[in-house]
Amino acid sequence: MIIPCIDLMEGRVVQLVQGREKALEAESPLEMLRKFAAFPEIQVIDLDAALGKGSNDGIVELLASRAVTRVGGGVRTVDRARRLVSQGASKVIVGTAAFHADGPNTDFLSELAAAIGRDRVIIALDSKGGRIVVNGWRESTSLAAEDSLRQLEPYCAGFLCTYVDKEGTLEGTDTEWFGRLRAATAHELTAAGGIATMDEVRQLSALGIHCALGMAIYTGRLKLDELARIAM
């Protein structure tokens, strides 16, 4: 499945490089949603919430009311996850709060799964330099994604795995890393970070991995009509 991304900052649709430098601003959230109408699911990330700089709740709610959405960004409490579901999110992506410095935060994850249903939970495994990063990708843990999957499986329906080293660079991703992740779990996997060619999309799809696409779509490197033909 191809999952287009809508990343929100200060009410605008943006694309960042490695979660830091803003590379571009796109059209309005609703216009991007219209362009993505052929795709069965949309990923919405509230970057302001992720960075602790406010939120875009009104826009998130509007998008979630008009499309099937998986929503993330700053989901650090069960109450926020509940609010996102009440706003219409089909699934909730949780990253930072899923981890302690030395391992999964199983108390929080157990409470989250009980509150909104395990089938709604996607755990973000954002990896840079081989280690999971948290707090808007600004802090590194001692954990490797490959070693954490099995421990996290009981608390979620799937994983969003971002190769932060190449996020937003259009330099290509690490399909071998994603292959190792695929071998480590039977859960749903979504790949993100650096995916820039149809060949990479096809390789990941052949592994049974979904592709969350941002910069490559917004710059026109990958064409929506071509992606739509393999979206399912």
C-alpha atoms as a PDB file:
ATOM      1  CA  MET A   1       0.000   0.000   0.000  1.00  0.00           C
ATOM      2  CA  ILE A   2       1.184   3.515  -0.822  1.00  0.00           C
ATOM      3  CA  ILE A   3       0.479   6.038   1.950  1.00  0.00           C
ATOM      4  CA  PRO A   4       0.927   9.728   1.088  1.00  0.00           C
ATOM      5  CA  CYS A   5       2.007  11.947   3.984  1.00  0.00           C
ATOM      6  CA  ILE A   6       0.652  15.290   5.152  1.00  0.00           C
ATOM      7  CA  ASP A   7       3.051  16.863   7.668  1.00  0.00           C
ATOM      8  CA  LEU A   8       1.661  19.909   9.462  1.00  0.00           C
ATOM      9  CA  MET A   9       3.521  22.892  10.896  1.00  0.00           C
ATOM     10  CA  GLU A  10       1.848  26.161  11.907  1.00  0.00           C
ATOM     11  CA  GLY A  11      -1.237  25.186   9.902  1.00  0.00           C
ATOM     12  CA  ARG A  12       0.720  24.546   6.719  1.00  0.00           C
ATOM     13  CA  VAL A  13       1.715  21.392   4.856  1.00  0.00           C
ATOM     14  CA  VAL A  14       5.505  21.157   4.901  1.00  0.00           C
ATOM     15  CA  GLN A  15       8.369  18.808   4.218  1.00  0.00           C
ATOM     16  CA  LEU A  16      11.461  18.763   6.417  1.00  0.00           C
ATOM     17  CA  VAL A  17      14.912  17.274   5.917  1.00  0.00           C
ATOM     18  CA  GLN A  18      15.708  14.838   8.749  1.00  0.00           C
ATOM     19  CA  GLY A  19      13.049  16.482  10.886  1.00  0.00           C
ATOM     20  CA  ARG A  20      14.936  19.782  11.146  1.00  0.00           C
ATOM     21  CA  GLU A  21      15.239  22.015   8.083  1.00  0.00           C
ATOM     22  CA  LYS A  22      12.075  23.036   6.253  1.00  0.00           C
ATOM     23  CA  ALA A  23      12.603  22.258   2.578  1.00  0.00           C
ATOM     24  CA  LEU A  24       9.240  23.275   1.151  1.00  0.00           C
ATOM     25  CA  GLU A  25       5.667  24.308   1.787  1.00  0.00           C
ATOM     26  CA  ALA A  26       2.869  22.720  -0.200  1.00  0.00           C
ATOM     27  CA  GLU A  27      -0.716  23.621  -0.979  1.00  0.00           C
ATOM     28  CA  SER A  28      -3.409  23.703   1.677  1.00  0.00           C
ATOM     29  CA  PRO A  29      -4.154  20.550   3.698  1.00  0.00           C
ATOM     30  CA  LEU A  30      -7.516  20.089   1.993  1.00  0.00           C
ATOM     31  CA  GLU A  31      -6.003  20.548  -1.462  1.00  0.00           C
ATOM     32  CA  MET A  32      -3.382  17.907  -0.688  1.00  0.00           C
ATOM     33  CA  LEU A  33      -6.123  15.609   0.573  1.00  0.00           C
ATOM     34  CA  ARG A  34      -7.960  16.117  -2.716  1.00  0.00           C
ATOM     35  CA  LYS A  35      -4.800  15.197  -4.651  1.00  0.00           C
ATOM     36  CA  PHE A  36      -4.409  12.066  -2.541  1.00  0.00           C
ATOM     37  CA  ALA A  37      -8.032  10.941  -3.006  1.00  0.00           C
ATOM     38  CA  ALA A  38      -7.038   7.819  -4.975  1.00  0.00           C
ATOM     39  CA  PHE A  39      -5.137   6.365  -2.019  1.00  0.00           C
ATOM     40  CA  PRO A  40      -6.877   4.271   0.648  1.00  0.00           C
ATOM     41  CA  GLU A  41      -5.082   5.766   3.650  1.00  0.00           C
ATOM     42  CA  ILE A  42      -3.291   9.029   4.471  1.00  0.00           C
ATOM     43  CA  GLN A  43      -0.609   9.639   7.086  1.00  0.00           C
ATOM     44  CA  VAL A  44      -0.948  12.891   9.023  1.00  0.00           C
ATOM     45  CA  ILE A  45       1.869  14.041  11.319  1.00  0.00           C
ATOM     46  CA  ASP A  46       1.482  17.080  13.565  1.00  0.00           C
ATOM     47  CA  LEU A  47       5.065  18.337  13.663  1.00  0.00           C
ATOM     48  CA  ASP A  48       4.252  21.145  16.090  1.00  0.00           C
ATOM     49  CA  ALA A  49       2.919  18.616  18.573  1.00  0.00           C
ATOM     50  CA  ALA A  50       5.945  16.377  18.018  1.00  0.00           C
ATOM     51  CA  LEU A  51       8.288  19.269  18.805  1.00  0.00           C
ATOM     52  CA  GLY A  52       6.225  20.526  21.752  1.00  0.00           C
ATOM     53  CA  LYS A  53       5.346  23.779  19.970  1.00  0.00           C
ATOM     54  CA  GLY A  54       1.555  23.619  20.015  1.00  0.00           C
ATOM     55  CA  SER A  55      -0.733  21.575  17.804  1.00  0.00           C
ATOM     56  CA  ASN A  56      -2.819  21.540  14.637  1.00  0.00           C
ATOM     57  CA  ASP A  57      -5.808  19.760  16.150  1.00  0.00           C
ATOM     58  CA  GLY A  58      -8.398  21.580  14.059  1.00  0.00           C
ATOM     59  CA  ILE A  59      -6.752  20.616  10.800  1.00  0.00           C
ATOM     60  CA  VAL A  60      -6.151  17.054  11.980  1.00  0.00           C
ATOM     61  CA  GLU A  61      -9.821  16.712  12.848  1.00  0.00           C
ATOM     62  CA  LEU A  62     -10.866  18.130   9.469  1.00  0.00           C
ATOM     63  CA  LEU A  63      -8.607  15.732   7.562  1.00  0.00           C
ATOM     64  CA  ALA A  64      -9.661  12.762   9.680  1.00  0.00           C
ATOM     65  CA  SER A  65     -13.310  13.532   8.988  1.00  0.00           C
ATOM     66  CA  ARG A  66     -12.731  13.299   5.232  1.00  0.00           C
ATOM     67  CA  ALA A  67     -10.290  10.400   4.813  1.00  0.00           C
ATOM     68  CA  VAL A  68      -8.965   7.282   6.475  1.00  0.00           C
ATOM     69  CA  THR A  69      -6.013   8.627   8.445  1.00  0.00           C
ATOM     70  CA  ARG A  70      -3.213   7.395  10.619  1.00  0.00           C
ATOM     71  CA  VAL A  71      -2.221  10.291  12.853  1.00  0.00           C
ATOM     72  CA  GLY A  72       0.916  10.948  14.864  1.00  0.00           C
ATOM     73  CA  GLY A  73       3.023  13.668  16.377  1.00  0.00           C
ATOM     74  CA  GLY A  74       3.326  14.332  20.086  1.00  0.00           C
ATOM     75  CA  VAL A  75       1.259  11.356  21.211  1.00  0.00           C
ATOM     76  CA  ARG A  76       2.810  11.150  24.664  1.00  0.00           C
ATOM     77  CA  THR A  77      -0.313  10.524  26.734  1.00  0.00           C
ATOM     78  CA  VAL A  78      -3.244   8.164  26.531  1.00  0.00           C
ATOM     79  CA  ASP A  79      -5.582  11.156  26.665  1.00  0.00           C
ATOM     80  CA  ARG A  80      -4.078  12.606  23.480  1.00  0.00           C
ATOM     81  CA  ALA A  81      -4.453   9.255  21.741  1.00  0.00           C
ATOM     82  CA  ARG A  82      -8.101   9.130  22.808  1.00  0.00           C
ATOM     83  CA  ARG A  83      -8.639  12.663  21.483  1.00  0.00           C
ATOM     84  CA  LEU A  84      -7.179  11.753  18.104  1.00  0.00           C
ATOM     85  CA  VAL A  85      -9.480   8.756  17.839  1.00  0.00           C
ATOM     86  CA  SER A  86     -12.441  10.910  18.860  1.00  0.00           C
ATOM     87  CA  GLN A  87     -11.433  13.377  16.132  1.00  0.00           C
ATOM     88  CA  GLY A  88     -11.669  10.567  13.590  1.00  0.00           C
ATOM     89  CA  ALA A  89      -8.193   9.048  13.369  1.00  0.00           C
ATOM     90  CA  SER A  90      -8.362   5.440  12.217  1.00  0.00           C
ATOM     91  CA  LYS A  91      -4.964   4.657  13.757  1.00  0.00           C
ATOM     92  CA  VAL A  92      -2.636   6.474  16.143  1.00  0.00           C
ATOM     93  CA  ILE A  93       1.142   6.588  15.736  1.00  0.00           C
ATOM     94  CA  VAL A  94       3.182   6.699  18.940  1.00  0.00           C
ATOM     95  CA  GLY A  95       6.944   7.128  19.061  1.00  0.00           C
ATOM     96  CA  THR A  96       8.743   8.858  21.937  1.00  0.00           C
ATOM     97  CA  ALA A  97       6.364   7.700  24.664  1.00  0.00           C
ATOM     98  CA  ALA A  98       6.796   4.074  23.608  1.00  0.00           C
ATOM     99  CA  PHE A  99      10.354   4.008  24.936  1.00  0.00           C
ATOM    100  CA  HIS A 100      12.454   4.447  28.023  1.00  0.00           C
ATOM    101  CA  ALA A 101      16.178   5.015  27.572  1.00  0.00           C
ATOM    102  CA  ASP A 102      16.823   1.303  28.029  1.00  0.00           C
ATOM    103  CA  GLY A 103      13.780  -0.362  26.494  1.00  0.00           C
ATOM    104  CA  PRO A 104      10.073  -0.252  25.626  1.00  0.00           C
ATOM    105  CA  ASN A 105       7.737   1.654  27.940  1.00  0.00           C
ATOM    106  CA  THR A 106       5.437  -1.306  28.442  1.00  0.00           C
ATOM    107  CA  ASP A 107       3.316   0.335  31.142  1.00  0.00           C
ATOM    108  CA  PHE A 108       2.337   3.170  28.826  1.00  0.00           C
ATOM    109  CA  LEU A 109       1.857   0.869  25.849  1.00  0.00           C
ATOM    110  CA  SER A 110      -0.368  -1.490  27.827  1.00  0.00           C
ATOM    111  CA  GLU A 111      -2.532   1.413  28.956  1.00  0.00           C
ATOM    112  CA  LEU A 112      -2.677   2.808  25.426  1.00  0.00           C
ATOM    113  CA  ALA A 113      -3.686  -0.500  23.856  1.00  0.00           C
ATOM    114  CA  ALA A 114      -6.394  -0.956  26.482  1.00  0.00           C
ATOM    115  CA  ALA A 115      -7.707   2.578  25.947  1.00  0.00           C
ATOM    116  CA  ILE A 116      -8.001   2.741  22.154  1.00  0.00           C
ATOM    117  CA  GLY A 117      -7.538  -0.885  21.084  1.00  0.00           C
ATOM    118  CA  ARG A 118      -4.318  -2.559  20.027  1.00  0.00           C
ATOM    119  CA  ASP A 119      -5.560  -2.644  16.440  1.00  0.00           C
ATOM    120  CA  ARG A 120      -5.420   1.166  16.328  1.00  0.00           C
ATOM    121  CA  VAL A 121      -1.832   1.491  17.584  1.00  0.00           C
ATOM    122  CA  ILE A 122       1.158   1.962  15.281  1.00  0.00           C
ATOM    123  CA  ILE A 123       4.542   2.225  16.983  1.00  0.00           C
ATOM    124  CA  ALA A 124       7.096   4.455  15.287  1.00  0.00           C
ATOM    125  CA  LEU A 125      10.598   3.034  15.111  1.00  0.00           C
ATOM    126  CA  ASP A 126      12.572   6.032  13.875  1.00  0.00           C
ATOM    127  CA  SER A 127      16.193   5.027  13.353  1.00  0.00           C
ATOM    128  CA  LYS A 128      19.301   7.148  12.853  1.00  0.00           C
ATOM    129  CA  GLY A 129      22.830   5.809  12.920  1.00  0.00           C
ATOM    130  CA  GLY A 130      21.399   2.391  13.734  1.00  0.00           C
ATOM    131  CA  ARG A 131      19.640   3.538  16.910  1.00  0.00           C
ATOM    132  CA  ILE A 132      16.038   4.520  17.674  1.00  0.00           C
ATOM    133  CA  VAL A 133      15.662   8.294  18.045  1.00  0.00           C
ATOM    134  CA  VAL A 134      12.952  10.130  19.997  1.00  0.00           C
ATOM    135  CA  ASN A 135      11.742  13.635  20.895  1.00  0.00           C
ATOM    136  CA  GLY A 136      11.424  14.845  17.328  1.00  0.00           C
ATOM    137  CA  TRP A 137      14.465  12.775  16.322  1.00  0.00           C
ATOM    138  CA  ARG A 138      16.666  14.986  18.513  1.00  0.00           C
ATOM    139  CA  GLU A 139      17.633  12.334  21.089  1.00  0.00           C
ATOM    140  CA  SER A 140      19.178   8.921  20.475  1.00  0.00           C
ATOM    141  CA  THR A 141      18.473   5.830  22.565  1.00  0.00           C
ATOM    142  CA  SER A 142      20.632   2.741  22.976  1.00  0.00           C
ATOM    143  CA  LEU A 143      18.021   0.627  21.189  1.00  0.00           C
ATOM    144  CA  ALA A 144      18.140  -0.843  17.699  1.00  0.00           C
ATOM    145  CA  ALA A 145      14.881  -1.228  15.793  1.00  0.00           C
ATOM    146  CA  GLU A 146      15.646  -4.819  14.819  1.00  0.00           C
ATOM    147  CA  ASP A 147      16.026  -5.800  18.472  1.00  0.00           C
ATOM    148  CA  SER A 148      12.859  -4.050  19.653  1.00  0.00           C
ATOM    149  CA  LEU A 149      10.203  -5.374  17.276  1.00  0.00           C
ATOM    150  CA  ARG A 150       9.367  -8.598  19.086  1.00  0.00           C
ATOM    151  CA  GLN A 151       9.073  -6.880  22.467  1.00  0.00           C
ATOM    152  CA  LEU A 152       6.654  -4.338  21.022  1.00  0.00           C
ATOM    153  CA  GLU A 153       4.409  -6.686  19.044  1.00  0.00           C
ATOM    154  CA  PRO A 154       1.896  -7.340  21.861  1.00  0.00           C
ATOM    155  CA  TYR A 155       1.002  -3.653  22.075  1.00  0.00           C
ATOM    156  CA  CYS A 156       0.325  -2.678  18.465  1.00  0.00           C
ATOM    157  CA  ALA A 157      -0.996  -3.670  15.059  1.00  0.00           C
ATOM    158  CA  GLY A 158       2.025  -2.452  13.127  1.00  0.00           C
ATOM    159  CA  PHE A 159       5.178  -0.379  12.915  1.00  0.00           C
ATOM    160  CA  LEU A 160       6.140   2.801  11.089  1.00  0.00           C
ATOM    161  CA  CYS A 161       9.881   2.490  10.459  1.00  0.00           C
ATOM    162  CA  THR A 162      11.637   5.662   9.346  1.00  0.00           C
ATOM    163  CA  TYR A 163      15.202   5.629   8.063  1.00  0.00           C
ATOM    164  CA  VAL A 164      15.991   9.073   9.451  1.00  0.00           C
ATOM    165  CA  ASP A 165      19.518   9.134   7.971  1.00  0.00           C
ATOM    166  CA  LYS A 166      17.996   9.809   4.549  1.00  0.00           C
ATOM    167  CA  GLU A 167      14.635  11.351   5.505  1.00  0.00           C
ATOM    168  CA  GLY A 168      13.753  14.161   3.107  1.00  0.00           C
ATOM    169  CA  THR A 169      17.000  13.902   1.136  1.00  0.00           C
ATOM    170  CA  LEU A 170      15.728  12.039  -1.946  1.00  0.00           C
ATOM    171  CA  GLU A 171      19.000  10.092  -1.856  1.00  0.00           C
ATOM    172  CA  GLY A 172      17.399   6.671  -1.632  1.00  0.00           C
ATOM    173  CA  THR A 173      16.642   4.489   1.351  1.00  0.00           C
ATOM    174  CA  ASP A 174      18.168   1.345   2.867  1.00  0.00           C
ATOM    175  CA  THR A 175      16.075  -1.500   1.489  1.00  0.00           C
ATOM    176  CA  GLU A 176      18.361  -4.059   3.135  1.00  0.00           C
ATOM    177  CA  TRP A 177      17.555  -2.598   6.567  1.00  0.00           C
ATOM    178  CA  PHE A 178      13.853  -2.777   5.828  1.00  0.00           C
ATOM    179  CA  GLY A 179      14.355  -6.378   4.700  1.00  0.00           C
ATOM    180  CA  ARG A 180      15.883  -7.213   8.082  1.00  0.00           C
ATOM    181  CA  LEU A 181      12.938  -5.604   9.825  1.00  0.00           C
ATOM    182  CA  ARG A 182      10.530  -7.594   7.662  1.00  0.00           C
ATOM    183  CA  ALA A 183      12.290 -10.806   8.647  1.00  0.00           C
ATOM    184  CA  ALA A 184      12.008  -9.896  12.328  1.00  0.00           C
ATOM    185  CA  THR A 185       8.217  -9.507  12.559  1.00  0.00           C
ATOM    186  CA  ALA A 186       4.994 -10.646  10.965  1.00  0.00           C
ATOM    187  CA  HIS A 187       3.273  -7.375  11.959  1.00  0.00           C
ATOM    188  CA  GLU A 188       2.354  -4.748   9.369  1.00  0.00           C
ATOM    189  CA  LEU A 189       5.368  -2.631   8.421  1.00  0.00           C
ATOM    190  CA  THR A 190       5.431   0.807   6.829  1.00  0.00           C
ATOM    191  CA  ALA A 191       8.693   2.183   5.447  1.00  0.00           C
ATOM    192  CA  ALA A 192       9.595   5.869   5.320  1.00  0.00           C
ATOM    193  CA  GLY A 193      12.700   7.943   4.856  1.00  0.00           C
ATOM    194  CA  GLY A 194      14.562   8.628   1.627  1.00  0.00           C
ATOM    195  CA  ILE A 195      12.363   6.580  -0.716  1.00  0.00           C
ATOM    196  CA  ALA A 196      12.933   8.256  -4.061  1.00  0.00           C
ATOM    197  CA  THR A 197      12.374   5.821  -6.942  1.00  0.00           C
ATOM    198  CA  MET A 198       9.693   3.511  -8.229  1.00  0.00           C
ATOM    199  CA  ASP A 199      12.230   0.706  -8.053  1.00  0.00           C
ATOM    200  CA  GLU A 200      12.515   1.201  -4.280  1.00  0.00           C
ATOM    201  CA  VAL A 201       8.741   1.319  -3.955  1.00  0.00           C
ATOM    202  CA  ARG A 202       8.445  -1.944  -5.873  1.00  0.00           C
ATOM    203  CA  GLN A 203      11.218  -3.601  -3.840  1.00  0.00           C
ATOM    204  CA  LEU A 204       9.546  -2.675  -0.565  1.00  0.00           C
ATOM    205  CA  SER A 205       6.116  -3.664  -1.834  1.00  0.00           C
ATOM    206  CA  ALA A 206       7.508  -7.045  -2.897  1.00  0.00           C
ATOM    207  CA  LEU A 207       8.643  -7.544   0.703  1.00  0.00           C
ATOM    208  CA  GLY A 208       5.102  -6.867   1.925  1.00  0.00           C
ATOM    209  CA  ILE A 209       6.033  -3.440   3.287  1.00  0.00           C
ATOM    210  CA  HIS A 210       3.871  -0.342   2.872  1.00  0.00           C
ATOM    211  CA  CYS A 211       5.507   2.901   1.708  1.00  0.00           C
ATOM    212  CA  ALA A 212       4.810   6.253   3.390  1.00  0.00           C
ATOM    213  CA  LEU A 213       5.872   8.896   0.883  1.00  0.00           C
ATOM    214  CA  GLY A 214       6.460  12.589   1.382  1.00  0.00           C
ATOM    215  CA  MET A 215       9.295  14.530  -0.260  1.00  0.00           C
ATOM    216  CA  ALA A 216       9.362  12.360  -3.393  1.00  0.00           C
ATOM    217  CA  ILE A 217       5.695  13.135  -4.022  1.00  0.00           C
ATOM    218  CA  TYR A 218       5.846  16.840  -3.186  1.00  0.00           C
ATOM    219  CA  THR A 219       8.829  17.455  -5.469  1.00  0.00           C
ATOM    220  CA  GLY A 220       7.316  15.442  -8.319  1.00  0.00           C
ATOM    221  CA  ARG A 221      10.075  12.824  -8.233  1.00  0.00           C
ATOM    222  CA  LEU A 222       7.339  10.191  -7.930  1.00  0.00           C
ATOM    223  CA  LYS A 223       4.114  10.698  -9.873  1.00  0.00           C
ATOM    224  CA  LEU A 224       0.791  10.264  -8.096  1.00  0.00           C
ATOM    225  CA  ASP A 225      -0.912   8.599 -11.060  1.00  0.00           C
ATOM    226  CA  GLU A 226       1.812   5.965 -11.319  1.00  0.00           C
ATOM    227  CA  LEU A 227       1.792   5.389  -7.562  1.00  0.00           C
ATOM    228  CA  ALA A 228      -1.996   5.102  -7.534  1.00  0.00           C
ATOM    229  CA  ARG A 229      -1.791   2.143  -9.894  1.00  0.00           C
ATOM    230  CA  ILE A 230       0.115   0.149  -7.278  1.00  0.00           C
ATOM    231  CA  ALA A 231      -1.454   1.765  -4.202  1.00  0.00           C
ATOM    232  CA  MET A 232      -3.351  -1.281  -3.032  1.00  0.00           C
END
